[in-house]
Amino acid sequence: LSTARPLFDYFSHISKPTTVIYGELDEYCGEGGGAAAINILKLRQ
């Protein structure tokens, strides 16, 4: 998705309480769907 910065780098700088909700079959998440997206984001925050 990006070659200039680490994937979702800005996400790790959010300091406000946040909830991330994905659909399991989210068609915009690519392989692995929403679960894969959540796993990536959990690494950052």
ModelCIF file with pLDDT and N, C-alpha, C, O atoms, coordinates in Angstrom:
data_MODEL
#
_entry.id   MODEL 
#
_entity.id                         1 
_entity.type                       polymer 
_entity.pdbx_number_of_molecules   1 
#
_entity_poly.entity_id                      1 
_entity_poly.type                           'polypeptide(L)' 
_entity_poly.nstd_linkage                   no 
_entity_poly.nstd_monomer                   no 
_entity_poly.pdbx_seq_one_letter_code       LSTARPLFDYFSHISKPTTVIYGELDEYCGEGGGAAAINILKLRQ 
_entity_poly.pdbx_seq_one_letter_code_can   LSTARPLFDYFSHISKPTTVIYGELDEYCGEGGGAAAINILKLRQ 
_entity_poly.pdbx_strand_id                 A 
#
loop_
_entity_poly_seq.entity_id 
_entity_poly_seq.num 
_entity_poly_seq.mon_id 
_entity_poly_seq.hetero 
1 1  LEU n 
1 2  SER n 
1 3  THR n 
1 4  ALA n 
1 5  ARG n 
1 6  PRO n 
1 7  LEU n 
1 8  PHE n 
1 9  ASP n 
1 10 TYR n 
1 11 PHE n 
1 12 SER n 
1 13 HIS n 
1 14 ILE n 
1 15 SER n 
1 16 LYS n 
1 17 PRO n 
1 18 THR n 
1 19 THR n 
1 20 VAL n 
1 21 ILE n 
1 22 TYR n 
1 23 GLY n 
1 24 GLU n 
1 25 LEU n 
1 26 ASP n 
1 27 GLU n 
1 28 TYR n 
1 29 CYS n 
1 30 GLY n 
1 31 GLU n 
1 32 GLY n 
1 33 GLY n 
1 34 GLY n 
1 35 ALA n 
1 36 ALA n 
1 37 ALA n 
1 38 ILE n 
1 39 ASN n 
1 40 ILE n 
1 41 LEU n 
1 42 LYS n 
1 43 LEU n 
1 44 ARG n 
1 45 GLN n 
#
_struct_asym.id          A 
_struct_asym.entity_id   1 
#
loop_
_ma_qa_metric.id 
_ma_qa_metric.mode 
_ma_qa_metric.name 
_ma_qa_metric.software_group_id 
_ma_qa_metric.type 
1 global pLDDT . pLDDT 
2 local  pLDDT . pLDDT 
#
_ma_qa_metric_global.metric_id      1 
_ma_qa_metric_global.metric_value   87.24 
_ma_qa_metric_global.model_id       1 
_ma_qa_metric_global.ordinal_id     1 
#
loop_
_ma_qa_metric_local.label_asym_id 
_ma_qa_metric_local.label_comp_id 
_ma_qa_metric_local.label_seq_id 
_ma_qa_metric_local.metric_id 
_ma_qa_metric_local.metric_value 
_ma_qa_metric_local.model_id 
_ma_qa_metric_local.ordinal_id 
A LEU 1  2 56.00 1 1  
A SER 2  2 59.00 1 2  
A THR 3  2 68.00 1 3  
A ALA 4  2 70.00 1 4  
A ARG 5  2 71.00 1 5  
A PRO 6  2 71.00 1 6  
A LEU 7  2 68.00 1 7  
A PHE 8  2 76.00 1 8  
A ASP 9  2 78.00 1 9  
A TYR 10 2 85.00 1 10 
A PHE 11 2 86.00 1 11 
A SER 12 2 86.00 1 12 
A HIS 13 2 89.00 1 13 
A ILE 14 2 91.00 1 14 
A SER 15 2 91.00 1 15 
A LYS 16 2 93.00 1 16 
A PRO 17 2 91.00 1 17 
A THR 18 2 94.00 1 18 
A THR 19 2 95.00 1 19 
A VAL 20 2 96.00 1 20 
A ILE 21 2 97.00 1 21 
A TYR 22 2 97.00 1 22 
A GLY 23 2 97.00 1 23 
A GLU 24 2 97.00 1 24 
A LEU 25 2 97.00 1 25 
A ASP 26 2 95.00 1 26 
A GLU 27 2 93.00 1 27 
A TYR 28 2 91.00 1 28 
A CYS 29 2 88.00 1 29 
A GLY 30 2 83.00 1 30 
A GLU 31 2 87.00 1 31 
A GLY 32 2 89.00 1 32 
A GLY 33 2 93.00 1 33 
A GLY 34 2 95.00 1 34 
A ALA 35 2 96.00 1 35 
A ALA 36 2 92.00 1 36 
A ALA 37 2 91.00 1 37 
A ILE 38 2 94.00 1 38 
A ASN 39 2 93.00 1 39 
A ILE 40 2 89.00 1 40 
A LEU 41 2 92.00 1 41 
A LYS 42 2 93.00 1 42 
A LEU 43 2 90.00 1 43 
A ARG 44 2 90.00 1 44 
A GLN 45 2 93.00 1 45 
#
loop_
_atom_site.group_PDB 
_atom_site.id 
_atom_site.type_symbol 
_atom_site.label_atom_id 
_atom_site.label_alt_id 
_atom_site.label_comp_id 
_atom_site.label_asym_id 
_atom_site.label_entity_id 
_atom_site.label_seq_id 
_atom_site.pdbx_PDB_ins_code 
_atom_site.Cartn_x 
_atom_site.Cartn_y 
_atom_site.Cartn_z 
_atom_site.occupancy 
_atom_site.B_iso_or_equiv 
_atom_site.pdbx_formal_charge 
_atom_site.auth_seq_id 
_atom_site.auth_comp_id 
_atom_site.auth_asym_id 
_atom_site.auth_atom_id 
_atom_site.pdbx_PDB_model_num 
ATOM 1   N N  . LEU A 1 1  ? 0.813   -1.199  0.000  1.00 56.00 ? 1  LEU A N  1 
ATOM 2   C CA . LEU A 1 1  ? 0.000   0.000   0.000  1.00 56.00 ? 1  LEU A CA 1 
ATOM 3   C C  . LEU A 1 1  ? 0.853   1.257   0.000  1.00 56.00 ? 1  LEU A C  1 
ATOM 4   O O  . LEU A 1 1  ? 0.419   2.309   -0.469 1.00 56.00 ? 1  LEU A O  1 
ATOM 5   N N  . SER A 1 2  ? 2.052   1.148   0.520  1.00 59.00 ? 2  SER A N  1 
ATOM 6   C CA . SER A 1 2  ? 2.925   2.307   0.593  1.00 59.00 ? 2  SER A CA 1 
ATOM 7   C C  . SER A 1 2  ? 4.367   1.834   0.588  1.00 59.00 ? 2  SER A C  1 
ATOM 8   O O  . SER A 1 2  ? 4.704   0.836   1.227  1.00 59.00 ? 2  SER A O  1 
ATOM 9   N N  . THR A 1 3  ? 5.203   2.541   -0.123 1.00 68.00 ? 3  THR A N  1 
ATOM 10  C CA . THR A 1 3  ? 6.625   2.209   -0.091 1.00 68.00 ? 3  THR A CA 1 
ATOM 11  C C  . THR A 1 3  ? 7.417   3.314   0.596  1.00 68.00 ? 3  THR A C  1 
ATOM 12  O O  . THR A 1 3  ? 8.588   3.124   0.924  1.00 68.00 ? 3  THR A O  1 
ATOM 13  N N  . ALA A 1 4  ? 6.782   4.476   0.817  1.00 70.00 ? 4  ALA A N  1 
ATOM 14  C CA . ALA A 1 4  ? 7.474   5.608   1.420  1.00 70.00 ? 4  ALA A CA 1 
ATOM 15  C C  . ALA A 1 4  ? 7.604   5.479   2.939  1.00 70.00 ? 4  ALA A C  1 
ATOM 16  O O  . ALA A 1 4  ? 8.589   5.942   3.515  1.00 70.00 ? 4  ALA A O  1 
ATOM 17  N N  . ARG A 1 5  ? 6.636   4.865   3.581  1.00 71.00 ? 5  ARG A N  1 
ATOM 18  C CA . ARG A 1 5  ? 6.612   4.744   5.042  1.00 71.00 ? 5  ARG A CA 1 
ATOM 19  C C  . ARG A 1 5  ? 6.206   3.314   5.412  1.00 71.00 ? 5  ARG A C  1 
ATOM 20  O O  . ARG A 1 5  ? 5.617   2.600   4.600  1.00 71.00 ? 5  ARG A O  1 
ATOM 21  N N  . PRO A 1 6  ? 6.522   2.909   6.632  1.00 71.00 ? 6  PRO A N  1 
ATOM 22  C CA . PRO A 1 6  ? 6.032   1.599   7.085  1.00 71.00 ? 6  PRO A CA 1 
ATOM 23  C C  . PRO A 1 6  ? 4.497   1.566   7.048  1.00 71.00 ? 6  PRO A C  1 
ATOM 24  O O  . PRO A 1 6  ? 3.842   2.581   7.283  1.00 71.00 ? 6  PRO A O  1 
ATOM 25  N N  . LEU A 1 7  ? 3.948   0.413   6.756  1.00 68.00 ? 7  LEU A N  1 
ATOM 26  C CA . LEU A 1 7  ? 2.502   0.239   6.631  1.00 68.00 ? 7  LEU A CA 1 
ATOM 27  C C  . LEU A 1 7  ? 1.782   0.700   7.890  1.00 68.00 ? 7  LEU A C  1 
ATOM 28  O O  . LEU A 1 7  ? 2.099   0.245   8.989  1.00 68.00 ? 7  LEU A O  1 
ATOM 29  N N  . PHE A 1 8  ? 0.821   1.593   7.738  1.00 76.00 ? 8  PHE A N  1 
ATOM 30  C CA . PHE A 1 8  ? 0.002   2.134   8.825  1.00 76.00 ? 8  PHE A CA 1 
ATOM 31  C C  . PHE A 1 8  ? 0.836   2.841   9.897  1.00 76.00 ? 8  PHE A C  1 
ATOM 32  O O  . PHE A 1 8  ? 0.466   2.834   11.071 1.00 76.00 ? 8  PHE A O  1 
ATOM 33  N N  . ASP A 1 9  ? 1.936   3.439   9.508  1.00 78.00 ? 9  ASP A N  1 
ATOM 34  C CA . ASP A 1 9  ? 2.801   4.137   10.462 1.00 78.00 ? 9  ASP A CA 1 
ATOM 35  C C  . ASP A 1 9  ? 2.052   5.215   11.232 1.00 78.00 ? 9  ASP A C  1 
ATOM 36  O O  . ASP A 1 9  ? 2.208   5.315   12.449 1.00 78.00 ? 9  ASP A O  1 
ATOM 37  N N  . TYR A 1 10 ? 1.248   6.019   10.558 1.00 85.00 ? 10 TYR A N  1 
ATOM 38  C CA . TYR A 1 10 ? 0.520   7.094   11.232 1.00 85.00 ? 10 TYR A CA 1 
ATOM 39  C C  . TYR A 1 10 ? -0.480  6.555   12.244 1.00 85.00 ? 10 TYR A C  1 
ATOM 40  O O  . TYR A 1 10 ? -0.764  7.219   13.241 1.00 85.00 ? 10 TYR A O  1 
ATOM 41  N N  . PHE A 1 11 ? -1.010  5.386   12.012 1.00 86.00 ? 11 PHE A N  1 
ATOM 42  C CA . PHE A 1 11 ? -1.987  4.774   12.914 1.00 86.00 ? 11 PHE A CA 1 
ATOM 43  C C  . PHE A 1 11 ? -1.401  4.608   14.311 1.00 86.00 ? 11 PHE A C  1 
ATOM 44  O O  . PHE A 1 11 ? -2.112  4.765   15.303 1.00 86.00 ? 11 PHE A O  1 
ATOM 45  N N  . SER A 1 12 ? -0.133  4.298   14.394 1.00 86.00 ? 12 SER A N  1 
ATOM 46  C CA . SER A 1 12 ? 0.507   4.076   15.693 1.00 86.00 ? 12 SER A CA 1 
ATOM 47  C C  . SER A 1 12 ? 0.658   5.358   16.501 1.00 86.00 ? 12 SER A C  1 
ATOM 48  O O  . SER A 1 12 ? 0.965   5.300   17.691 1.00 86.00 ? 12 SER A O  1 
ATOM 49  N N  . HIS A 1 13 ? 0.448   6.515   15.877 1.00 89.00 ? 13 HIS A N  1 
ATOM 50  C CA . HIS A 1 13 ? 0.594   7.792   16.574 1.00 89.00 ? 13 HIS A CA 1 
ATOM 51  C C  . HIS A 1 13 ? -0.726  8.345   17.109 1.00 89.00 ? 13 HIS A C  1 
ATOM 52  O O  . HIS A 1 13 ? -0.735  9.410   17.727 1.00 89.00 ? 13 HIS A O  1 
ATOM 53  N N  . ILE A 1 14 ? -1.829  7.653   16.887 1.00 91.00 ? 14 ILE A N  1 
ATOM 54  C CA . ILE A 1 14 ? -3.125  8.094   17.401 1.00 91.00 ? 14 ILE A CA 1 
ATOM 55  C C  . ILE A 1 14 ? -3.146  7.880   18.908 1.00 91.00 ? 14 ILE A C  1 
ATOM 56  O O  . ILE A 1 14 ? -2.864  6.780   19.383 1.00 91.00 ? 14 ILE A O  1 
ATOM 57  N N  . SER A 1 15 ? -3.478  8.919   19.659 1.00 91.00 ? 15 SER A N  1 
ATOM 58  C CA . SER A 1 15 ? -3.451  8.809   21.119 1.00 91.00 ? 15 SER A CA 1 
ATOM 59  C C  . SER A 1 15 ? -4.844  8.805   21.743 1.00 91.00 ? 15 SER A C  1 
ATOM 60  O O  . SER A 1 15 ? -4.967  8.551   22.941 1.00 91.00 ? 15 SER A O  1 
ATOM 61  N N  . LYS A 1 16 ? -5.874  9.071   20.988 1.00 93.00 ? 16 LYS A N  1 
ATOM 62  C CA . LYS A 1 16 ? -7.242  9.064   21.510 1.00 93.00 ? 16 LYS A CA 1 
ATOM 63  C C  . LYS A 1 16 ? -7.763  7.630   21.582 1.00 93.00 ? 16 LYS A C  1 
ATOM 64  O O  . LYS A 1 16 ? -7.415  6.807   20.735 1.00 93.00 ? 16 LYS A O  1 
ATOM 65  N N  . PRO A 1 17 ? -8.595  7.317   22.583 1.00 91.00 ? 17 PRO A N  1 
ATOM 66  C CA . PRO A 1 17 ? -9.203  5.980   22.629 1.00 91.00 ? 17 PRO A CA 1 
ATOM 67  C C  . PRO A 1 17 ? -9.972  5.712   21.326 1.00 91.00 ? 17 PRO A C  1 
ATOM 68  O O  . PRO A 1 17 ? -10.745 6.554   20.869 1.00 91.00 ? 17 PRO A O  1 
ATOM 69  N N  . THR A 1 18 ? -9.755  4.568   20.756 1.00 94.00 ? 18 THR A N  1 
ATOM 70  C CA . THR A 1 18 ? -10.310 4.256   19.440 1.00 94.00 ? 18 THR A CA 1 
ATOM 71  C C  . THR A 1 18 ? -10.773 2.812   19.390 1.00 94.00 ? 18 THR A C  1 
ATOM 72  O O  . THR A 1 18 ? -10.154 1.928   19.981 1.00 94.00 ? 18 THR A O  1 
ATOM 73  N N  . THR A 1 19 ? -11.867 2.582   18.678 1.00 95.00 ? 19 THR A N  1 
ATOM 74  C CA . THR A 1 19 ? -12.335 1.229   18.409 1.00 95.00 ? 19 THR A CA 1 
ATOM 75  C C  . THR A 1 19 ? -12.348 1.033   16.901 1.00 95.00 ? 19 THR A C  1 
ATOM 76  O O  . THR A 1 19 ? -12.840 1.883   16.159 1.00 95.00 ? 19 THR A O  1 
ATOM 77  N N  . VAL A 1 20 ? -11.813 -0.075  16.461 1.00 96.00 ? 20 VAL A N  1 
ATOM 78  C CA . VAL A 1 20 ? -11.749 -0.423  15.043 1.00 96.00 ? 20 VAL A CA 1 
ATOM 79  C C  . VAL A 1 20 ? -12.701 -1.587  14.816 1.00 96.00 ? 20 VAL A C  1 
ATOM 80  O O  . VAL A 1 20 ? -12.601 -2.617  15.482 1.00 96.00 ? 20 VAL A O  1 
ATOM 81  N N  . ILE A 1 21 ? -13.628 -1.421  13.870 1.00 97.00 ? 21 ILE A N  1 
ATOM 82  C CA . ILE A 1 21 ? -14.606 -2.471  13.578 1.00 97.00 ? 21 ILE A CA 1 
ATOM 83  C C  . ILE A 1 21 ? -14.534 -2.793  12.093 1.00 97.00 ? 21 ILE A C  1 
ATOM 84  O O  . ILE A 1 21 ? -14.659 -1.912  11.242 1.00 97.00 ? 21 ILE A O  1 
ATOM 85  N N  . TYR A 1 22 ? -14.330 -4.062  11.801 1.00 97.00 ? 22 TYR A N  1 
ATOM 86  C CA . TYR A 1 22 ? -14.299 -4.535  10.417 1.00 97.00 ? 22 TYR A CA 1 
ATOM 87  C C  . TYR A 1 22 ? -15.312 -5.655  10.243 1.00 97.00 ? 22 TYR A C  1 
ATOM 88  O O  . TYR A 1 22 ? -15.636 -6.378  11.185 1.00 97.00 ? 22 TYR A O  1 
ATOM 89  N N  . GLY A 1 23 ? -15.803 -5.779  9.023  1.00 97.00 ? 23 GLY A N  1 
ATOM 90  C CA . GLY A 1 23 ? -16.604 -6.935  8.667  1.00 97.00 ? 23 GLY A CA 1 
ATOM 91  C C  . GLY A 1 23 ? -15.659 -8.070  8.293  1.00 97.00 ? 23 GLY A C  1 
ATOM 92  O O  . GLY A 1 23 ? -14.622 -7.847  7.669  1.00 97.00 ? 23 GLY A O  1 
ATOM 93  N N  . GLU A 1 24 ? -16.021 -9.276  8.675  1.00 97.00 ? 24 GLU A N  1 
ATOM 94  C CA . GLU A 1 24 ? -15.195 -10.454 8.384  1.00 97.00 ? 24 GLU A CA 1 
ATOM 95  C C  . GLU A 1 24 ? -14.910 -10.585 6.890  1.00 97.00 ? 24 GLU A C  1 
ATOM 96  O O  . GLU A 1 24 ? -13.811 -10.968 6.490  1.00 97.00 ? 24 GLU A O  1 
ATOM 97  N N  . LEU A 1 25 ? -15.904 -10.266 6.077  1.00 97.00 ? 25 LEU A N  1 
ATOM 98  C CA . LEU A 1 25 ? -15.791 -10.453 4.624  1.00 97.00 ? 25 LEU A CA 1 
ATOM 99  C C  . LEU A 1 25 ? -15.572 -9.132  3.884  1.00 97.00 ? 25 LEU A C  1 
ATOM 100 O O  . LEU A 1 25 ? -15.960 -9.003  2.723  1.00 97.00 ? 25 LEU A O  1 
ATOM 101 N N  . ASP A 1 26 ? -14.958 -8.160  4.541  1.00 95.00 ? 26 ASP A N  1 
ATOM 102 C CA . ASP A 1 26 ? -14.721 -6.849  3.934  1.00 95.00 ? 26 ASP A CA 1 
ATOM 103 C C  . ASP A 1 26 ? -13.964 -7.025  2.619  1.00 95.00 ? 26 ASP A C  1 
ATOM 104 O O  . ASP A 1 26 ? -12.824 -7.490  2.597  1.00 95.00 ? 26 ASP A O  1 
ATOM 105 N N  . GLU A 1 27 ? -14.611 -6.649  1.546  1.00 93.00 ? 27 GLU A N  1 
ATOM 106 C CA . GLU A 1 27 ? -14.056 -6.863  0.213  1.00 93.00 ? 27 GLU A CA 1 
ATOM 107 C C  . GLU A 1 27 ? -12.895 -5.935  -0.126 1.00 93.00 ? 27 GLU A C  1 
ATOM 108 O O  . GLU A 1 27 ? -12.219 -6.142  -1.134 1.00 93.00 ? 27 GLU A O  1 
ATOM 109 N N  . TYR A 1 28 ? -12.652 -4.922  0.692  1.00 91.00 ? 28 TYR A N  1 
ATOM 110 C CA . TYR A 1 28 ? -11.550 -3.995  0.434  1.00 91.00 ? 28 TYR A CA 1 
ATOM 111 C C  . TYR A 1 28 ? -10.293 -4.347  1.227  1.00 91.00 ? 28 TYR A C  1 
ATOM 112 O O  . TYR A 1 28 ? -9.286  -3.647  1.125  1.00 91.00 ? 28 TYR A O  1 
ATOM 113 N N  . CYS A 1 29 ? -10.337 -5.402  1.999  1.00 88.00 ? 29 CYS A N  1 
ATOM 114 C CA . CYS A 1 29 ? -9.183  -5.784  2.826  1.00 88.00 ? 29 CYS A CA 1 
ATOM 115 C C  . CYS A 1 29 ? -8.262  -6.775  2.141  1.00 88.00 ? 29 CYS A C  1 
ATOM 116 O O  . CYS A 1 29 ? -7.184  -7.071  2.658  1.00 88.00 ? 29 CYS A O  1 
ATOM 117 N N  . GLY A 1 30 ? -8.654  -7.287  1.006  1.00 83.00 ? 30 GLY A N  1 
ATOM 118 C CA . GLY A 1 30 ? -7.821  -8.263  0.316  1.00 83.00 ? 30 GLY A CA 1 
ATOM 119 C C  . GLY A 1 30 ? -7.862  -9.618  0.990  1.00 83.00 ? 30 GLY A C  1 
ATOM 120 O O  . GLY A 1 30 ? -8.802  -9.941  1.716  1.00 83.00 ? 30 GLY A O  1 
ATOM 121 N N  . GLU A 1 31 ? -6.846  -10.392 0.742  1.00 87.00 ? 31 GLU A N  1 
ATOM 122 C CA . GLU A 1 31 ? -6.757  -11.748 1.289  1.00 87.00 ? 31 GLU A CA 1 
ATOM 123 C C  . GLU A 1 31 ? -6.789  -11.718 2.819  1.00 87.00 ? 31 GLU A C  1 
ATOM 124 O O  . GLU A 1 31 ? -6.035  -10.975 3.448  1.00 87.00 ? 31 GLU A O  1 
ATOM 125 N N  . GLY A 1 32 ? -7.646  -12.514 3.398  1.00 89.00 ? 32 GLY A N  1 
ATOM 126 C CA . GLY A 1 32 ? -7.752  -12.555 4.853  1.00 89.00 ? 32 GLY A CA 1 
ATOM 127 C C  . GLY A 1 32 ? -8.856  -11.689 5.414  1.00 89.00 ? 32 GLY A C  1 
ATOM 128 O O  . GLY A 1 32 ? -9.194  -11.797 6.593  1.00 89.00 ? 32 GLY A O  1 
ATOM 129 N N  . GLY A 1 33 ? -9.429  -10.820 4.574  1.00 93.00 ? 33 GLY A N  1 
ATOM 130 C CA . GLY A 1 33 ? -10.559 -9.998  4.986  1.00 93.00 ? 33 GLY A CA 1 
ATOM 131 C C  . GLY A 1 33 ? -10.288 -9.123  6.195  1.00 93.00 ? 33 GLY A C  1 
ATOM 132 O O  . GLY A 1 33 ? -9.154  -8.720  6.454  1.00 93.00 ? 33 GLY A O  1 
ATOM 133 N N  . GLY A 1 34 ? -11.349 -8.843  6.922  1.00 95.00 ? 34 GLY A N  1 
ATOM 134 C CA . GLY A 1 34 ? -11.272 -7.958  8.073  1.00 95.00 ? 34 GLY A CA 1 
ATOM 135 C C  . GLY A 1 34 ? -10.365 -8.466  9.172  1.00 95.00 ? 34 GLY A C  1 
ATOM 136 O O  . GLY A 1 34 ? -9.722  -7.673  9.860  1.00 95.00 ? 34 GLY A O  1 
ATOM 137 N N  . ALA A 1 35 ? -10.302 -9.779  9.349  1.00 96.00 ? 35 ALA A N  1 
ATOM 138 C CA . ALA A 1 35 ? -9.436  -10.346 10.394 1.00 96.00 ? 35 ALA A CA 1 
ATOM 139 C C  . ALA A 1 35 ? -7.974  -10.019 10.121 1.00 96.00 ? 35 ALA A C  1 
ATOM 140 O O  . ALA A 1 35 ? -7.229  -9.701  11.047 1.00 96.00 ? 35 ALA A O  1 
ATOM 141 N N  . ALA A 1 36 ? -7.560  -10.093 8.873  1.00 92.00 ? 36 ALA A N  1 
ATOM 142 C CA . ALA A 1 36 ? -6.174  -9.777  8.523  1.00 92.00 ? 36 ALA A CA 1 
ATOM 143 C C  . ALA A 1 36 ? -5.881  -8.301  8.766  1.00 92.00 ? 36 ALA A C  1 
ATOM 144 O O  . ALA A 1 36 ? -4.809  -7.945  9.255  1.00 92.00 ? 36 ALA A O  1 
ATOM 145 N N  . ALA A 1 37 ? -6.844  -7.440  8.419  1.00 91.00 ? 37 ALA A N  1 
ATOM 146 C CA . ALA A 1 37 ? -6.661  -6.003  8.640  1.00 91.00 ? 37 ALA A CA 1 
ATOM 147 C C  . ALA A 1 37 ? -6.524  -5.707  10.128 1.00 91.00 ? 37 ALA A C  1 
ATOM 148 O O  . ALA A 1 37 ? -5.659  -4.930  10.534 1.00 91.00 ? 37 ALA A O  1 
ATOM 149 N N  . ILE A 1 38 ? -7.370  -6.319  10.935 1.00 94.00 ? 38 ILE A N  1 
ATOM 150 C CA . ILE A 1 38 ? -7.294  -6.112  12.379 1.00 94.00 ? 38 ILE A CA 1 
ATOM 151 C C  . ILE A 1 38 ? -5.954  -6.588  12.924 1.00 94.00 ? 38 ILE A C  1 
ATOM 152 O O  . ILE A 1 38 ? -5.356  -5.914  13.764 1.00 94.00 ? 38 ILE A O  1 
ATOM 153 N N  . ASN A 1 39 ? -5.484  -7.714  12.470 1.00 93.00 ? 39 ASN A N  1 
ATOM 154 C CA . ASN A 1 39 ? -4.195  -8.223  12.950 1.00 93.00 ? 39 ASN A CA 1 
ATOM 155 C C  . ASN A 1 39 ? -3.056  -7.257  12.636 1.00 93.00 ? 39 ASN A C  1 
ATOM 156 O O  . ASN A 1 39 ? -2.160  -7.066  13.458 1.00 93.00 ? 39 ASN A O  1 
ATOM 157 N N  . ILE A 1 40 ? -3.086  -6.655  11.465 1.00 89.00 ? 40 ILE A N  1 
ATOM 158 C CA . ILE A 1 40 ? -2.052  -5.682  11.088 1.00 89.00 ? 40 ILE A CA 1 
ATOM 159 C C  . ILE A 1 40 ? -2.142  -4.452  11.987 1.00 89.00 ? 40 ILE A C  1 
ATOM 160 O O  . ILE A 1 40 ? -1.127  -3.969  12.490 1.00 89.00 ? 40 ILE A O  1 
ATOM 161 N N  . LEU A 1 41 ? -3.358  -3.948  12.187 1.00 92.00 ? 41 LEU A N  1 
ATOM 162 C CA . LEU A 1 41 ? -3.535  -2.749  13.003 1.00 92.00 ? 41 LEU A CA 1 
ATOM 163 C C  . LEU A 1 41 ? -3.185  -2.984  14.470 1.00 92.00 ? 41 LEU A C  1 
ATOM 164 O O  . LEU A 1 41 ? -2.666  -2.090  15.138 1.00 92.00 ? 41 LEU A O  1 
ATOM 165 N N  . LYS A 1 42 ? -3.468  -4.178  14.967 1.00 93.00 ? 42 LYS A N  1 
ATOM 166 C CA . LYS A 1 42 ? -3.122  -4.505  16.363 1.00 93.00 ? 42 LYS A CA 1 
ATOM 167 C C  . LYS A 1 42 ? -1.618  -4.439  16.606 1.00 93.00 ? 42 LYS A C  1 
ATOM 168 O O  . LYS A 1 42 ? -1.176  -4.111  17.707 1.00 93.00 ? 42 LYS A O  1 
ATOM 169 N N  . LEU A 1 43 ? -0.840  -4.748  15.583 1.00 90.00 ? 43 LEU A N  1 
ATOM 170 C CA . LEU A 1 43 ? 0.612   -4.648  15.719 1.00 90.00 ? 43 LEU A CA 1 
ATOM 171 C C  . LEU A 1 43 ? 1.039   -3.199  15.913 1.00 90.00 ? 43 LEU A C  1 
ATOM 172 O O  . LEU A 1 43 ? 2.002   -2.924  16.628 1.00 90.00 ? 43 LEU A O  1 
ATOM 173 N N  . ARG A 1 44 ? 0.331   -2.279  15.282 1.00 90.00 ? 44 ARG A N  1 
ATOM 174 C CA . ARG A 1 44 ? 0.657   -0.853  15.366 1.00 90.00 ? 44 ARG A CA 1 
ATOM 175 C C  . ARG A 1 44 ? 0.091   -0.195  16.618 1.00 90.00 ? 44 ARG A C  1 
ATOM 176 O O  . ARG A 1 44 ? 0.704   0.716   17.174 1.00 90.00 ? 44 ARG A O  1 
ATOM 177 N N  . GLN A 1 45 ? -1.086  -0.657  17.067 1.00 93.00 ? 45 GLN A N  1 
ATOM 178 C CA . GLN A 1 45 ? -1.752  -0.002  18.189 1.00 93.00 ? 45 GLN A CA 1 
ATOM 179 C C  . GLN A 1 45 ? -2.528  -1.050  19.006 1.00 93.00 ? 45 GLN A C  1 
ATOM 180 O O  . GLN A 1 45 ? -3.165  -0.708  20.003 1.00 93.00 ? 45 GLN A O  1 
#
